[in-house]
Amino acid sequence: MLRLHNRPRLLEGAYRRSRRILRPFRRWMVPGSKVEIVFVAVERMLKGFIFDCRMCGQCVLHSAGMTCPMNCPKEMRNGPCGGVGADGSCEIVPDMECEWLRAWERSREMRFYGDEILHAQAPLNHRLQGSSAWINDFVGVAGKTPDGWGE
C-alpha cells in the first residue's frame, strides 16, 4: 500500500497542481456558500484520510512538511514546544513521535515549500473550525493575522 502521508514531495506536487487547477474558480469560492459545503465534505474525506486532518480551516500542511500540526496534542502551530523527549517522543503522549520533528524531517524532502517551516504561523482562528481551508486561503481569511498579534 502506498503510504501517501510519508511522501511529502509527492503531496507537495499534488498541492501545487490543486492550487493551479482551483485558482480560476476562486470567484465562486465564498465562505458559507453551497460551494463551501462541497469543499468541506471533500476536504474532510481526503485530508482526513491522508493527514488525519482536524478541519481547522487554516491549513498549513504545505508549511509543515505536509504534516498537520493540529495532530500535536498541544495543537502547536509553531513548534516544537520544547517538551520533546531525547528519543523524539512527545511529552504529552510518550508513545507518539513529536509531530514537529516529523514535520521538520518531511519539510527537508520538499522542493518548493520546505523552507516555509521556518516562518512563524499566526495563532489559530477557532472561528474557522470546520470550514474549507481552500476557500479560506483563496479569499484571504486563512492568512489574516488576528488583531493584536505580532505587534
N, C-alpha and C. Protein backbone atom coordinates (compact mmCIF):
# COMPACT_ATOMS: atom_id res chain seq x y z
N MET A 1 0.84 -1.20 0.00
CA MET A 1 0.00 0.00 0.00
C MET A 1 0.88 1.25 0.00
N LEU A 2 0.55 2.20 -0.83
CA LEU A 2 1.27 3.46 -0.90
C LEU A 2 0.89 4.32 0.30
N ARG A 3 1.84 4.67 1.11
CA ARG A 3 1.58 5.48 2.29
C ARG A 3 1.84 6.94 1.92
N LEU A 4 0.78 7.61 1.48
CA LEU A 4 0.91 8.98 0.99
C LEU A 4 1.46 9.95 2.03
N HIS A 5 1.05 9.78 3.28
CA HIS A 5 1.48 10.75 4.28
C HIS A 5 2.99 10.70 4.51
N ASN A 6 3.65 9.66 4.05
CA ASN A 6 5.11 9.58 4.16
C ASN A 6 5.81 10.00 2.87
N ARG A 7 5.08 10.65 1.97
CA ARG A 7 5.62 11.09 0.69
C ARG A 7 5.44 12.59 0.52
N PRO A 8 6.17 13.40 1.30
CA PRO A 8 5.95 14.84 1.26
C PRO A 8 6.17 15.48 -0.10
N ARG A 9 7.12 15.01 -0.88
CA ARG A 9 7.36 15.62 -2.19
C ARG A 9 6.20 15.32 -3.14
N LEU A 10 5.68 14.12 -3.10
CA LEU A 10 4.52 13.76 -3.91
C LEU A 10 3.30 14.59 -3.50
N LEU A 11 3.07 14.73 -2.22
CA LEU A 11 1.95 15.53 -1.71
C LEU A 11 2.12 17.00 -2.03
N GLU A 12 3.35 17.48 -1.98
CA GLU A 12 3.62 18.87 -2.34
C GLU A 12 3.25 19.11 -3.81
N GLY A 13 3.59 18.17 -4.67
CA GLY A 13 3.24 18.28 -6.08
C GLY A 13 1.73 18.30 -6.27
N ALA A 14 1.02 17.44 -5.55
CA ALA A 14 -0.45 17.41 -5.64
C ALA A 14 -1.04 18.73 -5.14
N TYR A 15 -0.45 19.28 -4.08
CA TYR A 15 -0.92 20.57 -3.55
C TYR A 15 -0.73 21.67 -4.60
N ARG A 16 0.43 21.72 -5.23
CA ARG A 16 0.72 22.75 -6.23
C ARG A 16 -0.23 22.63 -7.43
N ARG A 17 -0.46 21.40 -7.87
CA ARG A 17 -1.38 21.19 -9.00
C ARG A 17 -2.80 21.58 -8.62
N SER A 18 -3.23 21.19 -7.44
CA SER A 18 -4.58 21.53 -6.98
C SER A 18 -4.76 23.03 -6.92
N ARG A 19 -3.78 23.71 -6.41
CA ARG A 19 -3.84 25.17 -6.31
C ARG A 19 -3.97 25.81 -7.70
N ARG A 20 -3.20 25.31 -8.64
CA ARG A 20 -3.24 25.82 -10.01
C ARG A 20 -4.61 25.55 -10.65
N ILE A 21 -5.15 24.36 -10.43
CA ILE A 21 -6.46 23.99 -11.00
C ILE A 21 -7.58 24.82 -10.39
N LEU A 22 -7.53 25.05 -9.09
CA LEU A 22 -8.61 25.75 -8.39
C LEU A 22 -8.58 27.27 -8.55
N ARG A 23 -7.43 27.83 -8.78
CA ARG A 23 -7.29 29.30 -8.85
C ARG A 23 -8.32 29.98 -9.77
N PRO A 24 -8.57 29.49 -10.99
CA PRO A 24 -9.54 30.19 -11.85
C PRO A 24 -10.97 30.17 -11.31
N PHE A 25 -11.27 29.29 -10.38
CA PHE A 25 -12.63 29.17 -9.85
C PHE A 25 -12.84 29.92 -8.54
N ARG A 26 -11.86 30.70 -8.14
CA ARG A 26 -11.94 31.33 -6.82
C ARG A 26 -13.08 32.32 -6.68
N ARG A 27 -13.58 32.88 -7.76
CA ARG A 27 -14.69 33.83 -7.64
C ARG A 27 -15.96 33.16 -7.13
N TRP A 28 -16.06 31.83 -7.30
CA TRP A 28 -17.22 31.10 -6.78
C TRP A 28 -16.98 30.57 -5.37
N MET A 29 -15.78 30.76 -4.87
CA MET A 29 -15.44 30.26 -3.54
C MET A 29 -15.80 31.32 -2.50
N VAL A 30 -16.94 31.16 -1.91
CA VAL A 30 -17.45 32.11 -0.94
C VAL A 30 -17.70 31.38 0.37
N PRO A 31 -17.12 31.85 1.46
CA PRO A 31 -17.39 31.20 2.75
C PRO A 31 -18.88 31.18 3.04
N GLY A 32 -19.37 30.01 3.47
CA GLY A 32 -20.78 29.87 3.80
C GLY A 32 -21.67 29.51 2.63
N SER A 33 -21.10 29.40 1.43
CA SER A 33 -21.89 29.09 0.23
C SER A 33 -22.08 27.58 0.06
N LYS A 34 -22.90 27.22 -0.92
CA LYS A 34 -23.09 25.80 -1.24
C LYS A 34 -21.79 25.18 -1.75
N VAL A 35 -20.99 25.99 -2.42
CA VAL A 35 -19.69 25.52 -2.91
C VAL A 35 -18.84 25.09 -1.72
N GLU A 36 -18.90 25.87 -0.63
CA GLU A 36 -18.09 25.51 0.54
C GLU A 36 -18.56 24.19 1.15
N ILE A 37 -19.84 23.91 1.10
CA ILE A 37 -20.35 22.64 1.64
C ILE A 37 -19.67 21.47 0.93
N VAL A 38 -19.53 21.59 -0.38
CA VAL A 38 -18.86 20.55 -1.16
C VAL A 38 -17.38 20.49 -0.80
N PHE A 39 -16.74 21.64 -0.74
CA PHE A 39 -15.31 21.68 -0.40
C PHE A 39 -15.06 21.08 0.98
N VAL A 40 -15.89 21.41 1.94
CA VAL A 40 -15.72 20.88 3.31
C VAL A 40 -15.83 19.36 3.29
N ALA A 41 -16.83 18.83 2.58
CA ALA A 41 -17.01 17.38 2.52
C ALA A 41 -15.80 16.69 1.89
N VAL A 42 -15.31 17.26 0.80
CA VAL A 42 -14.15 16.66 0.11
C VAL A 42 -12.90 16.79 0.98
N GLU A 43 -12.68 17.96 1.57
CA GLU A 43 -11.51 18.15 2.43
C GLU A 43 -11.56 17.20 3.63
N ARG A 44 -12.72 17.09 4.25
CA ARG A 44 -12.86 16.22 5.42
C ARG A 44 -12.50 14.78 5.06
N MET A 45 -12.98 14.34 3.89
CA MET A 45 -12.74 12.97 3.48
C MET A 45 -11.26 12.75 3.09
N LEU A 46 -10.77 13.56 2.14
CA LEU A 46 -9.41 13.34 1.64
C LEU A 46 -8.33 13.69 2.66
N LYS A 47 -8.41 14.90 3.19
CA LYS A 47 -7.38 15.32 4.14
C LYS A 47 -7.48 14.55 5.45
N GLY A 48 -8.68 14.14 5.80
CA GLY A 48 -8.86 13.31 6.99
C GLY A 48 -8.17 11.97 6.82
N PHE A 49 -8.35 11.36 5.65
CA PHE A 49 -7.76 10.06 5.36
C PHE A 49 -6.24 10.13 5.28
N ILE A 50 -5.73 11.13 4.58
CA ILE A 50 -4.29 11.21 4.35
C ILE A 50 -3.53 11.81 5.53
N PHE A 51 -4.08 12.87 6.14
CA PHE A 51 -3.33 13.62 7.14
C PHE A 51 -3.93 13.58 8.55
N ASP A 52 -5.05 12.87 8.73
CA ASP A 52 -5.79 12.90 9.99
C ASP A 52 -6.14 14.36 10.32
N CYS A 53 -6.63 15.05 9.29
CA CYS A 53 -6.95 16.48 9.35
C CYS A 53 -7.98 16.78 10.43
N ARG A 54 -7.80 17.88 11.13
CA ARG A 54 -8.70 18.33 12.19
C ARG A 54 -9.66 19.42 11.72
N MET A 55 -9.60 19.77 10.42
CA MET A 55 -10.50 20.77 9.82
C MET A 55 -10.45 22.09 10.58
N CYS A 56 -9.26 22.61 10.77
CA CYS A 56 -9.09 23.87 11.49
C CYS A 56 -9.48 25.08 10.63
N GLY A 57 -9.53 24.89 9.31
CA GLY A 57 -9.89 25.99 8.42
C GLY A 57 -8.71 26.87 8.04
N GLN A 58 -7.54 26.60 8.59
CA GLN A 58 -6.32 27.37 8.29
C GLN A 58 -5.17 26.41 8.02
N CYS A 59 -5.34 25.59 7.02
CA CYS A 59 -4.40 24.52 6.73
C CYS A 59 -3.00 25.06 6.42
N VAL A 60 -2.02 24.50 7.10
CA VAL A 60 -0.62 24.86 6.84
C VAL A 60 0.19 23.61 6.51
N LEU A 61 -0.47 22.61 5.95
CA LEU A 61 0.23 21.38 5.59
C LEU A 61 1.48 21.67 4.77
N HIS A 62 1.33 22.53 3.76
CA HIS A 62 2.46 22.82 2.87
C HIS A 62 3.58 23.56 3.61
N SER A 63 3.28 24.17 4.74
CA SER A 63 4.29 24.89 5.52
C SER A 63 4.83 24.04 6.66
N ALA A 64 4.32 22.82 6.80
CA ALA A 64 4.73 21.96 7.91
C ALA A 64 5.08 20.56 7.40
N GLY A 65 5.79 20.52 6.29
CA GLY A 65 6.26 19.24 5.77
C GLY A 65 5.14 18.29 5.39
N MET A 66 3.99 18.83 4.99
CA MET A 66 2.81 18.04 4.66
C MET A 66 2.39 17.19 5.86
N THR A 67 2.54 17.77 7.04
CA THR A 67 2.14 17.16 8.31
C THR A 67 1.20 18.13 9.00
N CYS A 68 0.12 17.63 9.56
CA CYS A 68 -0.86 18.51 10.20
C CYS A 68 -0.43 18.84 11.63
N PRO A 69 -0.10 20.10 11.91
CA PRO A 69 0.32 20.47 13.26
C PRO A 69 -0.79 20.34 14.30
N MET A 70 -2.03 20.25 13.85
CA MET A 70 -3.14 20.08 14.80
C MET A 70 -3.14 18.69 15.41
N ASN A 71 -2.31 17.78 14.87
CA ASN A 71 -2.16 16.46 15.48
C ASN A 71 -1.23 16.50 16.68
N CYS A 72 -0.54 17.60 16.88
CA CYS A 72 0.25 17.80 18.09
C CYS A 72 -0.75 17.91 19.24
N PRO A 73 -0.56 17.16 20.33
CA PRO A 73 -1.51 17.24 21.45
C PRO A 73 -1.70 18.67 21.98
N LYS A 74 -0.71 19.52 21.81
CA LYS A 74 -0.84 20.92 22.25
C LYS A 74 -1.35 21.83 21.13
N GLU A 75 -1.61 21.23 19.96
CA GLU A 75 -2.04 21.98 18.77
C GLU A 75 -1.12 23.16 18.48
N MET A 76 0.17 22.89 18.53
CA MET A 76 1.17 23.92 18.27
C MET A 76 1.24 24.24 16.78
N ARG A 77 1.06 25.49 16.43
CA ARG A 77 1.20 25.91 15.03
C ARG A 77 2.64 26.30 14.73
N ASN A 78 3.41 26.50 15.75
CA ASN A 78 4.83 26.78 15.62
C ASN A 78 5.51 25.89 16.65
N GLY A 79 6.32 25.00 16.20
CA GLY A 79 6.86 24.03 17.15
C GLY A 79 8.31 23.75 16.87
N PRO A 80 8.88 22.81 17.57
CA PRO A 80 8.27 22.05 18.65
C PRO A 80 8.15 22.86 19.93
N CYS A 81 7.43 22.30 20.89
CA CYS A 81 7.09 23.04 22.10
C CYS A 81 8.23 23.11 23.12
N GLY A 82 9.21 22.26 22.97
CA GLY A 82 10.30 22.22 23.94
C GLY A 82 10.18 21.03 24.85
N GLY A 83 9.09 20.29 24.75
CA GLY A 83 8.88 19.11 25.57
C GLY A 83 9.16 17.83 24.81
N VAL A 84 10.05 17.91 23.83
CA VAL A 84 10.38 16.75 23.02
C VAL A 84 11.36 15.87 23.79
N GLY A 85 11.05 14.58 23.86
CA GLY A 85 11.93 13.64 24.54
C GLY A 85 13.22 13.45 23.76
N ALA A 86 14.24 12.94 24.44
CA ALA A 86 15.54 12.71 23.79
C ALA A 86 15.42 11.75 22.61
N ASP A 87 14.43 10.88 22.66
CA ASP A 87 14.21 9.92 21.57
C ASP A 87 13.26 10.46 20.50
N GLY A 88 12.86 11.74 20.61
CA GLY A 88 11.97 12.35 19.64
C GLY A 88 10.50 12.15 19.96
N SER A 89 10.21 11.65 21.14
CA SER A 89 8.82 11.40 21.52
C SER A 89 8.15 12.67 22.04
N CYS A 90 6.84 12.64 22.05
CA CYS A 90 6.02 13.75 22.55
C CYS A 90 5.97 13.70 24.08
N GLU A 91 6.04 14.86 24.73
CA GLU A 91 5.98 14.87 26.19
C GLU A 91 4.58 14.56 26.71
N ILE A 92 3.55 14.83 25.93
CA ILE A 92 2.18 14.60 26.36
C ILE A 92 1.77 13.15 26.11
N VAL A 93 2.12 12.65 24.93
CA VAL A 93 1.80 11.27 24.54
C VAL A 93 3.13 10.58 24.23
N PRO A 94 3.79 10.01 25.23
CA PRO A 94 5.14 9.46 25.03
C PRO A 94 5.26 8.39 23.95
N ASP A 95 4.18 7.69 23.63
CA ASP A 95 4.23 6.67 22.58
C ASP A 95 4.18 7.27 21.18
N MET A 96 4.00 8.59 21.10
CA MET A 96 3.85 9.27 19.83
C MET A 96 5.14 10.03 19.49
N GLU A 97 5.50 10.00 18.21
CA GLU A 97 6.64 10.80 17.74
C GLU A 97 6.20 12.27 17.74
N CYS A 98 7.10 13.17 18.09
CA CYS A 98 6.79 14.60 18.07
C CYS A 98 6.37 14.98 16.65
N GLU A 99 5.19 15.56 16.54
CA GLU A 99 4.65 15.95 15.23
C GLU A 99 5.58 16.95 14.54
N TRP A 100 6.22 17.81 15.31
CA TRP A 100 7.07 18.83 14.72
C TRP A 100 8.42 18.29 14.27
N LEU A 101 8.92 17.26 14.93
CA LEU A 101 10.13 16.62 14.41
C LEU A 101 9.83 15.95 13.08
N ARG A 102 8.66 15.31 13.00
CA ARG A 102 8.20 14.70 11.75
C ARG A 102 8.05 15.78 10.67
N ALA A 103 7.46 16.90 11.03
CA ALA A 103 7.27 18.00 10.08
C ALA A 103 8.61 18.51 9.57
N TRP A 104 9.56 18.67 10.46
CA TRP A 104 10.88 19.16 10.06
C TRP A 104 11.54 18.19 9.08
N GLU A 105 11.54 16.91 9.42
CA GLU A 105 12.17 15.91 8.54
C GLU A 105 11.50 15.90 7.17
N ARG A 106 10.21 15.94 7.13
CA ARG A 106 9.49 15.91 5.86
C ARG A 106 9.67 17.21 5.07
N SER A 107 9.78 18.33 5.77
CA SER A 107 9.98 19.60 5.06
C SER A 107 11.31 19.61 4.32
N ARG A 108 12.29 18.89 4.82
CA ARG A 108 13.60 18.82 4.18
C ARG A 108 13.53 18.04 2.87
N GLU A 109 12.50 17.25 2.66
CA GLU A 109 12.33 16.49 1.42
C GLU A 109 11.57 17.27 0.36
N MET A 110 10.98 18.39 0.75
CA MET A 110 10.14 19.16 -0.18
C MET A 110 10.98 20.10 -1.02
N ARG A 111 10.52 20.35 -2.24
CA ARG A 111 11.25 21.20 -3.19
C ARG A 111 10.87 22.66 -3.12
N PHE A 112 9.58 22.95 -3.01
CA PHE A 112 9.10 24.32 -3.18
C PHE A 112 8.70 25.00 -1.88
N TYR A 113 8.14 24.25 -0.95
CA TYR A 113 7.62 24.86 0.27
C TYR A 113 8.41 24.46 1.53
N GLY A 114 9.47 23.72 1.37
CA GLY A 114 10.22 23.19 2.50
C GLY A 114 10.71 24.23 3.49
N ASP A 115 11.08 25.41 3.01
CA ASP A 115 11.59 26.43 3.92
C ASP A 115 10.48 27.22 4.63
N GLU A 116 9.23 26.99 4.26
CA GLU A 116 8.13 27.69 4.93
C GLU A 116 7.99 27.28 6.39
N ILE A 117 8.56 26.14 6.75
CA ILE A 117 8.51 25.70 8.14
C ILE A 117 9.27 26.68 9.04
N LEU A 118 10.14 27.49 8.46
CA LEU A 118 10.93 28.46 9.21
C LEU A 118 10.15 29.73 9.53
N HIS A 119 8.97 29.92 8.91
CA HIS A 119 8.15 31.11 9.11
C HIS A 119 7.15 30.88 10.23
N ALA A 120 7.02 31.85 11.11
CA ALA A 120 6.05 31.75 12.21
C ALA A 120 4.63 31.83 11.66
N GLN A 121 3.78 30.97 12.16
CA GLN A 121 2.37 30.96 11.78
C GLN A 121 1.56 31.78 12.77
N ALA A 122 0.56 32.47 12.28
CA ALA A 122 -0.35 33.21 13.16
C ALA A 122 -1.12 32.22 14.03
N PRO A 123 -1.57 32.67 15.20
CA PRO A 123 -2.36 31.78 16.05
C PRO A 123 -3.61 31.29 15.32
N LEU A 124 -4.09 30.14 15.71
CA LEU A 124 -5.27 29.55 15.10
C LEU A 124 -6.51 30.40 15.38
N ASN A 125 -7.29 30.65 14.35
CA ASN A 125 -8.55 31.35 14.50
C ASN A 125 -9.63 30.28 14.65
N HIS A 126 -10.06 30.04 15.87
CA HIS A 126 -11.01 28.95 16.14
C HIS A 126 -12.37 29.16 15.48
N ARG A 127 -12.67 30.38 15.06
CA ARG A 127 -13.94 30.63 14.36
C ARG A 127 -13.97 29.98 12.99
N LEU A 128 -12.82 29.59 12.45
CA LEU A 128 -12.76 28.96 11.14
C LEU A 128 -12.87 27.43 11.22
N GLN A 129 -12.91 26.89 12.42
CA GLN A 129 -13.02 25.44 12.63
C GLN A 129 -14.17 24.87 11.81
N GLY A 130 -13.90 23.80 11.05
CA GLY A 130 -14.92 23.12 10.26
C GLY A 130 -15.19 23.74 8.90
N SER A 131 -14.53 24.84 8.58
CA SER A 131 -14.73 25.48 7.28
C SER A 131 -13.66 25.00 6.29
N SER A 132 -13.81 25.38 5.04
CA SER A 132 -12.89 24.95 3.99
C SER A 132 -11.59 25.76 4.04
N ALA A 133 -10.50 25.07 4.23
CA ALA A 133 -9.19 25.74 4.24
C ALA A 133 -8.86 26.30 2.85
N TRP A 134 -9.27 25.59 1.79
CA TRP A 134 -9.01 26.08 0.44
C TRP A 134 -9.74 27.40 0.20
N ILE A 135 -11.01 27.45 0.55
CA ILE A 135 -11.77 28.68 0.34
C ILE A 135 -11.22 29.78 1.22
N ASN A 136 -10.93 29.48 2.47
CA ASN A 136 -10.37 30.50 3.38
C ASN A 136 -9.05 31.03 2.85
N ASP A 137 -8.26 30.16 2.24
CA ASP A 137 -6.99 30.59 1.67
C ASP A 137 -7.22 31.50 0.46
N PHE A 138 -8.08 31.09 -0.45
CA PHE A 138 -8.31 31.86 -1.66
C PHE A 138 -8.94 33.23 -1.40
N VAL A 139 -9.79 33.33 -0.37
CA VAL A 139 -10.42 34.64 -0.08
C VAL A 139 -9.59 35.46 0.90
N GLY A 140 -8.47 34.90 1.39
CA GLY A 140 -7.57 35.66 2.25
C GLY A 140 -7.88 35.61 3.73
N VAL A 141 -8.85 34.80 4.14
CA VAL A 141 -9.22 34.71 5.55
C VAL A 141 -8.19 33.91 6.34
N ALA A 142 -7.68 32.82 5.75
CA ALA A 142 -6.78 31.93 6.45
C ALA A 142 -5.46 32.61 6.82
N GLY A 143 -4.96 33.46 5.96
CA GLY A 143 -3.67 34.10 6.21
C GLY A 143 -3.74 35.39 6.99
N LYS A 144 -4.95 35.82 7.33
CA LYS A 144 -5.11 37.09 8.04
C LYS A 144 -4.60 36.95 9.48
N THR A 145 -3.73 37.84 9.85
CA THR A 145 -3.19 37.85 11.20
C THR A 145 -4.22 38.46 12.15
N PRO A 146 -4.54 37.76 13.23
CA PRO A 146 -5.51 38.30 14.18
C PRO A 146 -5.05 39.65 14.75
N ASP A 147 -6.01 40.52 15.05
CA ASP A 147 -5.69 41.82 15.65
C ASP A 147 -4.88 41.64 16.91
N GLY A 148 -3.83 42.43 17.04
CA GLY A 148 -3.00 42.40 18.24
C GLY A 148 -1.89 41.38 18.23
N TRP A 149 -1.84 40.52 17.20
CA TRP A 149 -0.79 39.51 17.17
C TRP A 149 0.43 40.04 16.44
N GLY A 150 1.59 39.82 16.98
CA GLY A 150 2.83 40.18 16.31
C GLY A 150 3.19 41.65 16.39
N GLU A 151 2.54 42.37 17.28
CA GLU A 151 2.86 43.80 17.40
C GLU A 151 3.97 44.02 18.39
